[in-house]
Amino acid sequence: MITTNSIAVRALLYWAIALFSLQNAGAAIPIERWTQPSGAQVFLVQSQAIPMLDVQLDFDAGGRRDPADQAGLAGATAGMVSKGVRASQDGTAGLDENALGEAWADLGASFTVQASGDRMSFALRSLTYPDLLPRAVQLAARQLANPAFAADVWLRERDSWVAAIKEANTRPGTLAGRAFSQAVYGSHPYGFDTTEATLGRIAVTDMQAFYRALIQPCRAKVTVVGAVDRAQADALVLQMLAPLAGHGVATGCAAPPKLPEVSPLATPVELNIPFKSAQAHVLIGQPGYKRADPDHFALTVGNYILGGGGFVSRLTNEVREKRGLSYSVYSAFGPGLHAGAFTIGLETRPDQAAQAVQVSRQVLAQFVANGPTEEELKAAKDHLIGGFALLIDSNRKLLSNVANIAWNELPLDYLESWTQQVAKVSVADIRSAFARKLQPATMVTVVLGPQVP
C-alpha cells in the first residue's frame, strides 16, 4: 500500500538528488521540438538520470493582456486557478482549495500557476513512478481545465491583495518603482499599475472570460524536462491539454489582438518625489530591447561590466568605491516580448542624491560612447562562461531556460552555443549595441526621498 509518508520520503530523496544531477555542463543539450494536432508546441529535453519530471505550459495571457481599467486581471486569474476545482461532467466531485492542496501533497507533487508581464505559466513537478505520474498528470489536467473561480474566494483574495497594496504603498522602493515604470512605459500595458480601484472592477466572470479566451491548446508552448521519452511526453501533454478543447470555440485559434510596442522616449523625464525616508531612492533608465534581439549577448556582457557584475562593475567602482555615494548600485536590462526597461538603481543619502545621479549618468554616457576595455571584457567573459553551469544545474533551471527558448523563439541550440556566443563578443560589438539601444540624454530619472534645499 502506498502511503502519503512513503511518497513524501521518495519525493524528498529525489529532490535532494536533483541538486547533483548535472551530468556535464559542457555536454550537448538536445532539444526535441514538435507541434501537436491542436497546434500546441512541445519542447522536450530528456534527462533520465533521476525519475523526475518538470512540465511548464506557457500561454500569451500575462499582464500585457490586462485591460487598462482592470490591471491585475491576469495575476488575479492565475492566483484563482489554485483555489479549487469544479466538479467534472463525469461526476467527479469538485475540490476546494484545501482539498486540492492535500491532493497534491498526497502525490508528493506540485502544480503552480503564475502570471508575468508576458505570459501565464503552469508548472507541474512530479516523480515519474508509474503509480504517481499518471495521477499527477490527471489532477493537473483537471485543475487546468476546471478552476472553480468561486466568487466568495475571490472576494477574500481581493481583500488580501488590497491590504498588501496599501502596505506596499508605505515603502519608498515601491513608490519609486511605480513612478519609474509609468514614466518609462507610458500607456503601454507594461506600465499598468494594479490598484484597489482596478481590482474592484474585476469579477469572477471577467476571469472566466479571460481564461477561456486565452488558455487554449493551440496557443500553448509546453516545455518538458525529465525522465520521459518523446512518446511519453507527447501523450502526457495531450492528456493535460485535451480538456481545454472547448476554450475559444467562438474565435477558433485566431491570434489575440496585436499590442503596441513600447514607445521610445523623445525627451528626458525627471521626477523628484517628496517622501519621508532615511534614504533617497534613485532610478534612471528607459525602454531597452526585446528578448529576441540579436544584440542580446553583447548587451548581456556589456551590462555585466557596466553595473551587473556587483563589486567589479564600473558603476560600483565610481559611485561606491571612489566616492562613497551608495552602498550598492546596479544596472539591468529586463527584455520581454516588448522592450523591457533598462534600469540603473541605487539608494543614497538625500544630500548626495544629485551627485549620485550625476556620476551615474556620466559613467553610463562614457560607457555608451566608448564601451569597455579589453581587460574588462576578458574578466566579464571569464566570469560569465565560468558560471554557465550554474544556469542548468537542476531540472528546474534547465526547464526555465528551455521554456525561455520556446517562448522567445530562440534557436534550439541556444544553450549549446551560449558560451561560444559570449566568447565571441568584442569591444566593438558592445559599443555598437549599447549605442543602438541606449540614449543617455533622454532617460527617465526618478529621485524619491526627502527634498534637499
Protein backbone atom coordinates (compact mmCIF):
# COMPACT_ATOMS: atom_id res chain seq x y z
CA MET A 1 0.00 0.00 0.00
CA ILE A 2 1.32 3.42 -0.95
CA THR A 3 1.11 5.98 1.84
CA THR A 4 1.45 9.73 1.86
CA ASN A 5 4.56 9.39 4.01
CA SER A 6 6.26 6.97 1.62
CA ILE A 7 5.56 9.27 -1.32
CA ALA A 8 6.90 12.25 0.60
CA VAL A 9 10.07 10.37 1.53
CA ARG A 10 10.68 9.41 -2.09
CA ALA A 11 9.99 12.95 -3.21
CA LEU A 12 12.40 14.46 -0.69
CA LEU A 13 15.08 11.93 -1.61
CA TYR A 14 14.95 12.69 -5.30
CA TRP A 15 14.59 16.45 -4.86
CA ALA A 16 17.90 16.22 -2.96
CA ILE A 17 19.47 14.06 -5.66
CA ALA A 18 18.34 16.61 -8.25
CA LEU A 19 20.72 19.16 -6.80
CA PHE A 20 23.57 16.98 -8.01
CA SER A 21 22.03 15.84 -11.28
CA LEU A 22 24.05 17.90 -13.74
CA GLN A 23 25.88 15.31 -15.77
CA ASN A 24 28.20 17.54 -17.75
CA ALA A 25 27.74 21.29 -18.18
CA GLY A 26 29.68 21.22 -21.40
CA ALA A 27 27.71 18.36 -22.91
CA ALA A 28 25.16 18.84 -25.62
CA ILE A 29 21.62 19.67 -24.51
CA PRO A 30 19.48 18.27 -27.33
CA ILE A 31 16.03 19.84 -27.52
CA GLU A 32 13.35 17.97 -29.42
CA ARG A 33 10.52 20.07 -30.81
CA TRP A 34 7.22 19.18 -32.46
CA THR A 35 3.69 20.52 -32.91
CA GLN A 36 0.65 18.55 -31.84
CA PRO A 37 -2.54 18.42 -33.96
CA SER A 38 -4.12 21.01 -31.66
CA GLY A 39 -1.34 23.47 -32.51
CA ALA A 40 0.41 23.14 -29.16
CA GLN A 41 4.20 23.35 -29.49
CA VAL A 42 6.19 20.90 -27.37
CA PHE A 43 9.87 21.23 -26.41
CA LEU A 44 11.49 18.21 -24.75
CA VAL A 45 14.81 17.60 -23.05
CA GLN A 46 15.20 14.00 -21.91
CA SER A 47 17.02 13.70 -18.59
CA GLN A 48 16.96 10.09 -17.49
CA ALA A 49 19.37 10.35 -14.54
CA ILE A 50 16.61 10.53 -11.94
CA PRO A 51 12.89 9.65 -12.03
CA MET A 52 11.65 13.22 -12.09
CA LEU A 53 9.58 15.32 -14.48
CA ASP A 54 9.08 19.07 -14.84
CA VAL A 55 6.49 20.45 -17.25
CA GLN A 56 5.80 24.12 -17.97
CA LEU A 57 2.87 25.31 -20.07
CA ASP A 58 3.05 28.93 -21.23
CA PHE A 59 0.23 30.98 -22.75
CA ASP A 60 0.07 34.56 -24.04
CA ALA A 61 -2.09 35.56 -21.09
CA GLY A 62 0.16 37.71 -18.93
CA GLY A 63 -0.29 41.24 -17.66
CA ARG A 64 0.19 42.71 -21.12
CA ARG A 65 -3.30 41.35 -21.88
CA ASP A 66 -4.91 43.24 -18.98
CA PRO A 67 -7.48 45.93 -19.85
CA ALA A 68 -6.20 49.28 -18.55
CA ASP A 69 -9.13 49.65 -16.13
CA GLN A 70 -8.69 46.08 -14.86
CA ALA A 71 -4.95 45.99 -14.28
CA GLY A 72 -4.20 42.84 -12.31
CA LEU A 73 -6.70 40.65 -14.17
CA ALA A 74 -4.05 38.18 -15.38
CA GLY A 75 -2.50 37.92 -11.93
CA ALA A 76 -5.87 37.51 -10.25
CA THR A 77 -6.88 34.82 -12.74
CA ALA A 78 -3.65 32.90 -12.24
CA GLY A 79 -4.00 33.09 -8.47
CA MET A 80 -7.53 31.73 -8.54
CA VAL A 81 -6.55 28.65 -10.56
CA SER A 82 -5.07 27.19 -7.38
CA LYS A 83 -8.13 27.95 -5.25
CA GLY A 84 -10.26 24.96 -6.14
CA VAL A 85 -11.56 22.75 -8.95
CA ARG A 86 -15.14 22.45 -10.19
CA ALA A 87 -16.92 19.14 -10.33
CA SER A 88 -16.32 17.34 -13.62
CA GLN A 89 -19.01 16.39 -16.12
CA ASP A 90 -18.27 12.72 -15.46
CA GLY A 91 -19.47 13.16 -11.91
CA THR A 92 -16.09 13.57 -10.22
CA ALA A 93 -16.58 15.76 -7.17
CA GLY A 94 -15.04 19.20 -7.04
CA LEU A 95 -12.21 20.15 -4.68
CA ASP A 96 -11.98 23.28 -2.60
CA GLU A 97 -8.56 24.87 -2.16
CA ASN A 98 -7.74 22.85 0.96
CA ALA A 99 -8.70 19.55 -0.63
CA LEU A 100 -6.76 20.46 -3.77
CA GLY A 101 -3.66 21.23 -1.73
CA GLU A 102 -3.99 17.96 0.13
CA ALA A 103 -4.37 16.05 -3.16
CA TRP A 104 -1.07 17.45 -4.41
CA ALA A 105 0.64 16.78 -1.09
CA ASP A 106 -0.56 13.18 -1.18
CA LEU A 107 1.16 12.77 -4.55
CA GLY A 108 4.40 14.41 -3.40
CA ALA A 109 3.95 16.63 -6.48
CA SER A 110 3.12 20.26 -7.22
CA PHE A 111 1.22 22.30 -9.77
CA THR A 112 1.76 26.06 -9.64
CA VAL A 113 0.40 28.96 -11.67
CA GLN A 114 1.74 32.47 -12.08
CA ALA A 115 1.32 35.40 -14.44
CA SER A 116 4.22 37.62 -15.51
CA GLY A 117 4.06 40.66 -17.74
CA ASP A 118 4.06 38.48 -20.87
CA ARG A 119 2.67 35.04 -20.06
CA MET A 120 0.66 32.83 -17.77
CA SER A 121 2.69 29.79 -16.76
CA PHE A 122 1.56 26.46 -15.32
CA ALA A 123 4.28 24.25 -13.83
CA LEU A 124 3.91 20.57 -12.93
CA ARG A 125 6.61 18.74 -10.96
CA SER A 126 6.33 15.04 -10.16
CA LEU A 127 8.28 11.86 -9.78
CA THR A 128 7.84 9.60 -12.80
CA TYR A 129 6.93 6.39 -10.99
CA PRO A 130 4.00 4.67 -12.71
CA ASP A 131 1.97 4.83 -9.51
CA LEU A 132 2.42 8.60 -9.26
CA LEU A 133 2.91 10.36 -12.61
CA PRO A 134 -0.40 9.37 -14.27
CA ARG A 135 -2.30 10.59 -11.22
CA ALA A 136 -0.36 13.86 -11.14
CA VAL A 137 -0.99 14.49 -14.84
CA GLN A 138 -4.68 13.70 -14.39
CA LEU A 139 -5.01 16.13 -11.48
CA ALA A 140 -3.10 18.82 -13.38
CA ALA A 141 -5.44 18.37 -16.36
CA ARG A 142 -8.47 18.78 -14.10
CA GLN A 143 -7.10 21.89 -12.46
CA LEU A 144 -6.06 23.39 -15.79
CA ALA A 145 -9.47 22.83 -17.36
CA ASN A 146 -11.85 23.41 -14.46
CA PRO A 147 -10.69 26.05 -11.98
CA ALA A 148 -13.55 26.87 -9.64
CA PHE A 149 -13.30 30.68 -9.74
CA ALA A 150 -15.52 30.85 -6.64
CA ALA A 151 -16.85 34.36 -6.02
CA ASP A 152 -16.51 34.20 -2.23
CA VAL A 153 -12.90 33.06 -2.51
CA TRP A 154 -12.12 35.92 -4.92
CA LEU A 155 -13.58 38.49 -2.52
CA ARG A 156 -11.30 37.15 0.22
CA GLU A 157 -8.27 37.11 -2.07
CA ARG A 158 -9.03 40.60 -3.35
CA ASP A 159 -9.22 41.98 0.19
CA SER A 160 -5.85 40.38 0.95
CA TRP A 161 -4.34 41.83 -2.23
CA VAL A 162 -5.70 45.30 -1.45
CA ALA A 163 -4.19 45.12 2.03
CA ALA A 164 -0.83 44.14 0.51
CA ILE A 165 -1.03 47.08 -1.92
CA LYS A 166 -1.73 49.51 0.91
CA GLU A 167 1.23 48.16 2.87
CA ALA A 168 3.47 48.35 -0.20
CA ASN A 169 2.45 51.97 -0.70
CA THR A 170 4.21 52.83 2.55
CA ARG A 171 7.54 51.65 1.12
CA PRO A 172 9.68 54.15 -0.82
CA GLY A 173 11.07 51.48 -3.13
CA THR A 174 7.57 50.55 -4.28
CA LEU A 175 6.60 54.16 -4.97
CA ALA A 176 9.82 54.92 -6.82
CA GLY A 177 9.48 51.79 -8.93
CA ARG A 178 5.88 52.61 -9.82
CA ALA A 179 6.73 56.16 -10.89
CA PHE A 180 9.67 54.88 -12.92
CA SER A 181 7.64 52.17 -14.66
CA GLN A 182 4.85 54.55 -15.61
CA ALA A 183 7.31 57.14 -16.94
CA VAL A 184 9.27 54.57 -18.98
CA TYR A 185 6.29 52.71 -20.45
CA GLY A 186 3.64 55.42 -20.66
CA SER A 187 0.33 53.92 -21.80
CA HIS A 188 1.83 50.55 -22.71
CA PRO A 189 0.48 47.62 -20.62
CA TYR A 190 3.94 47.06 -19.14
CA GLY A 191 3.32 50.28 -17.20
CA PHE A 192 -0.15 49.43 -15.88
CA ASP A 193 -0.50 49.70 -12.11
CA THR A 194 -2.67 47.31 -10.13
CA THR A 195 -4.65 49.31 -7.59
CA GLU A 196 -7.61 48.88 -5.26
CA ALA A 197 -9.77 50.51 -7.95
CA THR A 198 -8.66 48.21 -10.79
CA LEU A 199 -9.10 45.13 -8.60
CA GLY A 200 -12.56 46.33 -7.63
CA ARG A 201 -13.59 46.19 -11.28
CA ILE A 202 -12.64 42.51 -11.62
CA ALA A 203 -15.35 39.88 -11.13
CA VAL A 204 -15.04 36.12 -11.44
CA THR A 205 -16.97 36.35 -14.72
CA ASP A 206 -14.13 38.52 -16.08
CA MET A 207 -11.59 35.89 -15.02
CA GLN A 208 -13.58 33.12 -16.62
CA ALA A 209 -13.87 35.03 -19.91
CA PHE A 210 -10.16 35.94 -19.86
CA TYR A 211 -9.20 32.34 -19.12
CA ARG A 212 -11.39 30.75 -21.77
CA ALA A 213 -10.29 33.22 -24.43
CA LEU A 214 -6.54 32.89 -23.90
CA ILE A 215 -5.83 29.49 -22.30
CA GLN A 216 -6.24 27.36 -25.42
CA PRO A 217 -4.28 24.29 -26.59
CA CYS A 218 -3.43 25.93 -29.90
CA ARG A 219 -1.64 28.72 -28.07
CA ALA A 220 0.32 26.54 -25.66
CA LYS A 221 4.10 26.35 -25.60
CA VAL A 222 4.93 23.33 -23.47
CA THR A 223 8.38 22.55 -22.10
CA VAL A 224 9.12 19.07 -20.74
CA VAL A 225 12.33 18.17 -18.91
CA GLY A 226 12.86 14.84 -17.23
CA ALA A 227 12.82 11.08 -17.36
CA VAL A 228 10.36 10.56 -20.22
CA ASP A 229 10.85 9.80 -23.90
CA ARG A 230 9.18 11.61 -26.77
CA ALA A 231 6.17 9.31 -26.96
CA GLN A 232 5.54 9.64 -23.22
CA ALA A 233 5.95 13.41 -23.33
CA ASP A 234 3.57 13.72 -26.27
CA ALA A 235 0.95 11.59 -24.52
CA LEU A 236 1.07 13.46 -21.23
CA VAL A 237 0.87 16.86 -22.95
CA LEU A 238 -2.13 15.63 -24.92
CA GLN A 239 -3.76 14.47 -21.69
CA MET A 240 -3.14 17.79 -19.94
CA LEU A 241 -4.44 19.93 -22.80
CA ALA A 242 -7.33 17.80 -24.06
CA PRO A 243 -9.88 19.11 -21.52
CA LEU A 244 -9.20 22.66 -22.79
CA ALA A 245 -10.51 21.79 -26.26
CA GLY A 246 -13.71 23.80 -25.71
CA HIS A 247 -11.87 27.03 -24.93
CA GLY A 248 -12.00 29.71 -27.61
CA VAL A 249 -14.53 27.84 -29.75
CA ALA A 250 -16.14 31.08 -30.90
CA THR A 251 -12.88 32.53 -32.22
CA GLY A 252 -11.06 29.35 -33.22
CA CYS A 253 -7.35 29.91 -32.82
CA ALA A 254 -7.26 33.46 -34.09
CA ALA A 255 -4.29 35.35 -32.70
CA PRO A 256 -5.03 37.74 -29.83
CA PRO A 257 -5.07 41.42 -30.79
CA LYS A 258 -1.63 42.78 -31.57
CA LEU A 259 -0.36 45.09 -28.87
CA PRO A 260 1.52 48.34 -29.48
CA GLU A 261 5.26 48.42 -28.99
CA VAL A 262 6.85 50.42 -26.21
CA SER A 263 7.46 53.94 -27.49
CA PRO A 264 10.98 55.37 -27.21
CA LEU A 265 11.45 58.44 -25.04
CA ALA A 266 11.64 61.67 -27.04
CA THR A 267 12.74 63.88 -24.14
CA PRO A 268 14.26 63.34 -20.70
CA VAL A 269 11.90 62.95 -17.76
CA GLU A 270 12.95 63.99 -14.26
CA LEU A 271 10.73 63.24 -11.27
CA ASN A 272 11.62 64.45 -7.79
CA ILE A 273 9.10 62.92 -5.41
CA PRO A 274 8.98 64.05 -1.77
CA PHE A 275 8.86 61.17 0.74
CA LYS A 276 9.85 60.83 4.38
CA SER A 277 12.58 58.20 4.31
CA ALA A 278 16.13 57.82 5.53
CA GLN A 279 17.50 57.31 2.02
CA ALA A 280 16.79 58.77 -1.38
CA HIS A 281 15.79 56.10 -3.91
CA VAL A 282 17.18 56.72 -7.38
CA LEU A 283 16.15 55.04 -10.65
CA ILE A 284 17.47 56.01 -14.08
CA GLY A 285 16.52 54.32 -17.32
CA GLN A 286 14.49 53.92 -20.49
CA PRO A 287 12.88 51.23 -22.69
CA GLY A 288 15.52 48.65 -23.57
CA TYR A 289 15.13 45.80 -26.04
CA LYS A 290 13.09 42.69 -26.88
CA ARG A 291 14.45 39.38 -25.68
CA ALA A 292 14.83 38.00 -29.21
CA ASP A 293 17.05 40.92 -30.26
CA PRO A 294 20.33 39.78 -31.87
CA ASP A 295 22.22 42.26 -29.67
CA HIS A 296 21.32 40.24 -26.56
CA PHE A 297 24.75 38.70 -25.96
CA ALA A 298 26.64 41.94 -26.47
CA LEU A 299 24.23 43.73 -24.13
CA THR A 300 24.46 40.96 -21.53
CA VAL A 301 28.25 41.00 -21.45
CA GLY A 302 28.37 44.79 -21.58
CA ASN A 303 25.89 45.20 -18.77
CA TYR A 304 27.91 42.88 -16.54
CA ILE A 305 30.80 45.32 -16.95
CA LEU A 306 28.66 48.45 -16.56
CA GLY A 307 26.62 47.55 -13.49
CA GLY A 308 25.50 43.94 -13.47
CA GLY A 309 28.70 42.49 -12.03
CA GLY A 310 28.32 43.73 -8.48
CA PHE A 311 31.55 44.88 -6.89
CA VAL A 312 33.54 44.53 -10.11
CA SER A 313 31.30 46.82 -12.17
CA ARG A 314 32.13 50.33 -13.31
CA LEU A 315 29.15 51.87 -11.56
CA THR A 316 30.18 50.32 -8.25
CA ASN A 317 33.74 51.49 -8.71
CA GLU A 318 32.76 55.08 -9.49
CA VAL A 319 29.71 55.55 -7.27
CA ARG A 320 30.65 53.44 -4.23
CA GLU A 321 34.38 52.83 -4.14
CA LYS A 322 35.70 56.19 -5.31
CA ARG A 323 33.03 58.48 -3.86
CA GLY A 324 31.13 56.56 -1.18
CA LEU A 325 27.78 57.72 -2.53
CA SER A 326 25.94 54.44 -2.14
CA TYR A 327 26.44 51.03 -0.58
CA SER A 328 25.31 49.37 -3.80
CA VAL A 329 24.41 50.39 -7.32
CA TYR A 330 23.36 48.24 -10.26
CA SER A 331 22.28 48.30 -13.88
CA ALA A 332 20.00 45.77 -15.56
CA PHE A 333 18.06 45.06 -18.73
CA GLY A 334 14.60 43.45 -18.48
CA PRO A 335 13.79 42.30 -22.02
CA GLY A 336 10.45 40.66 -22.82
CA LEU A 337 8.15 40.29 -25.80
CA HIS A 338 8.33 44.08 -25.86
CA ALA A 339 11.22 46.37 -24.96
CA GLY A 340 11.60 45.89 -21.23
CA ALA A 341 13.26 48.60 -19.18
CA PHE A 342 16.95 49.34 -18.81
CA THR A 343 17.47 50.46 -15.22
CA ILE A 344 20.20 51.93 -13.05
CA GLY A 345 19.24 51.81 -9.38
CA LEU A 346 20.75 52.95 -6.10
CA GLU A 347 19.97 54.36 -2.67
CA THR A 348 21.90 57.23 -1.17
CA ARG A 349 21.81 59.96 1.45
CA PRO A 350 19.36 62.67 0.37
CA ASP A 351 22.08 65.33 0.36
CA GLN A 352 24.16 63.14 -2.02
CA ALA A 353 21.37 62.25 -4.45
CA ALA A 354 22.19 64.92 -7.02
CA GLN A 355 25.85 63.91 -7.10
CA ALA A 356 24.98 60.21 -7.32
CA VAL A 357 22.70 60.89 -10.29
CA GLN A 358 25.37 62.99 -11.99
CA VAL A 359 28.09 60.36 -11.55
CA SER A 360 25.81 57.52 -12.68
CA ARG A 361 24.80 59.42 -15.81
CA GLN A 362 28.41 60.24 -16.56
CA VAL A 363 29.53 56.61 -16.21
CA LEU A 364 26.68 55.48 -18.47
CA ALA A 365 27.37 58.10 -21.13
CA GLN A 366 31.06 57.24 -21.22
CA PHE A 367 30.30 53.53 -21.47
CA VAL A 368 27.82 54.01 -24.32
CA ALA A 369 30.30 56.21 -26.16
CA ASN A 370 33.45 54.14 -25.65
CA GLY A 371 32.49 50.65 -24.50
CA PRO A 372 34.63 48.57 -22.13
CA THR A 373 38.36 48.00 -22.10
CA GLU A 374 39.81 44.73 -23.32
CA GLU A 375 40.73 43.85 -19.74
CA GLU A 376 37.18 44.44 -18.53
CA LEU A 377 35.83 42.37 -21.41
CA LYS A 378 38.11 39.41 -20.66
CA ALA A 379 37.18 39.43 -16.97
CA ALA A 380 33.46 39.55 -17.80
CA LYS A 381 33.71 36.69 -20.28
CA ASP A 382 35.68 34.56 -17.84
CA HIS A 383 33.05 35.07 -15.15
CA LEU A 384 30.02 34.51 -17.37
CA ILE A 385 31.43 31.45 -19.13
CA GLY A 386 32.72 30.00 -15.87
CA GLY A 387 29.30 30.41 -14.27
CA PHE A 388 27.28 28.93 -17.13
CA ALA A 389 26.97 25.53 -15.44
CA LEU A 390 25.01 27.16 -12.62
CA LEU A 391 22.30 28.11 -15.13
CA ILE A 392 21.43 24.48 -15.85
CA ASP A 393 22.49 22.55 -12.75
CA SER A 394 19.00 21.24 -11.93
CA ASN A 395 15.89 20.11 -13.78
CA ARG A 396 14.05 23.26 -12.75
CA LYS A 397 16.75 25.61 -14.03
CA LEU A 398 17.02 23.66 -17.26
CA LEU A 399 13.24 23.82 -17.61
CA SER A 400 13.29 27.60 -17.18
CA ASN A 401 15.99 28.01 -19.82
CA VAL A 402 14.28 25.75 -22.36
CA ALA A 403 10.95 27.49 -21.72
CA ASN A 404 12.74 30.76 -22.41
CA ILE A 405 13.89 29.36 -25.75
CA ALA A 406 10.36 28.24 -26.58
CA TRP A 407 8.67 31.45 -25.52
CA ASN A 408 11.05 33.82 -27.27
CA GLU A 409 11.52 31.62 -30.36
CA LEU A 410 15.26 31.37 -29.86
CA PRO A 411 17.40 28.82 -31.75
CA LEU A 412 17.18 25.29 -30.38
CA ASP A 413 20.97 25.23 -29.96
CA TYR A 414 20.84 28.39 -27.82
CA LEU A 415 22.13 26.67 -24.67
CA GLU A 416 24.72 24.60 -26.52
CA SER A 417 26.15 27.70 -28.18
CA TRP A 418 25.76 30.06 -25.20
CA THR A 419 29.40 30.06 -24.12
CA GLN A 420 30.60 30.43 -27.71
CA GLN A 421 28.26 33.38 -28.22
CA VAL A 422 29.63 35.07 -25.11
CA ALA A 423 33.23 34.28 -26.07
CA LYS A 424 32.97 35.97 -29.46
CA VAL A 425 31.59 39.29 -28.16
CA SER A 426 34.05 42.10 -28.86
CA VAL A 427 34.53 45.60 -27.51
CA ALA A 428 33.18 46.92 -30.81
CA ASP A 429 30.09 44.69 -30.51
CA ILE A 430 29.31 46.08 -27.07
CA ARG A 431 29.92 49.66 -28.07
CA SER A 432 27.68 49.45 -31.13
CA ALA A 433 24.92 47.51 -29.32
CA PHE A 434 24.77 49.99 -26.45
CA ALA A 435 24.80 52.91 -28.89
CA ARG A 436 21.82 51.39 -30.72
CA LYS A 437 19.80 50.66 -27.58
CA LEU A 438 20.52 53.44 -25.09
CA GLN A 439 20.15 57.21 -25.27
CA PRO A 440 21.67 58.63 -22.08
CA ALA A 441 20.43 62.15 -22.85
CA THR A 442 16.73 61.21 -22.90
CA MET A 443 16.25 58.92 -19.92
CA VAL A 444 13.81 58.87 -17.03
CA THR A 445 15.28 59.86 -13.67
CA VAL A 446 13.29 59.29 -10.50
CA VAL A 447 14.56 60.55 -7.14
CA LEU A 448 12.22 59.77 -4.26
CA GLY A 449 13.02 60.85 -0.71
CA PRO A 450 13.45 63.90 1.49
CA GLN A 451 13.80 67.05 -0.58
CA VAL A 452 17.11 68.84 -0.02
CA PRO A 453 17.07 72.66 -0.42
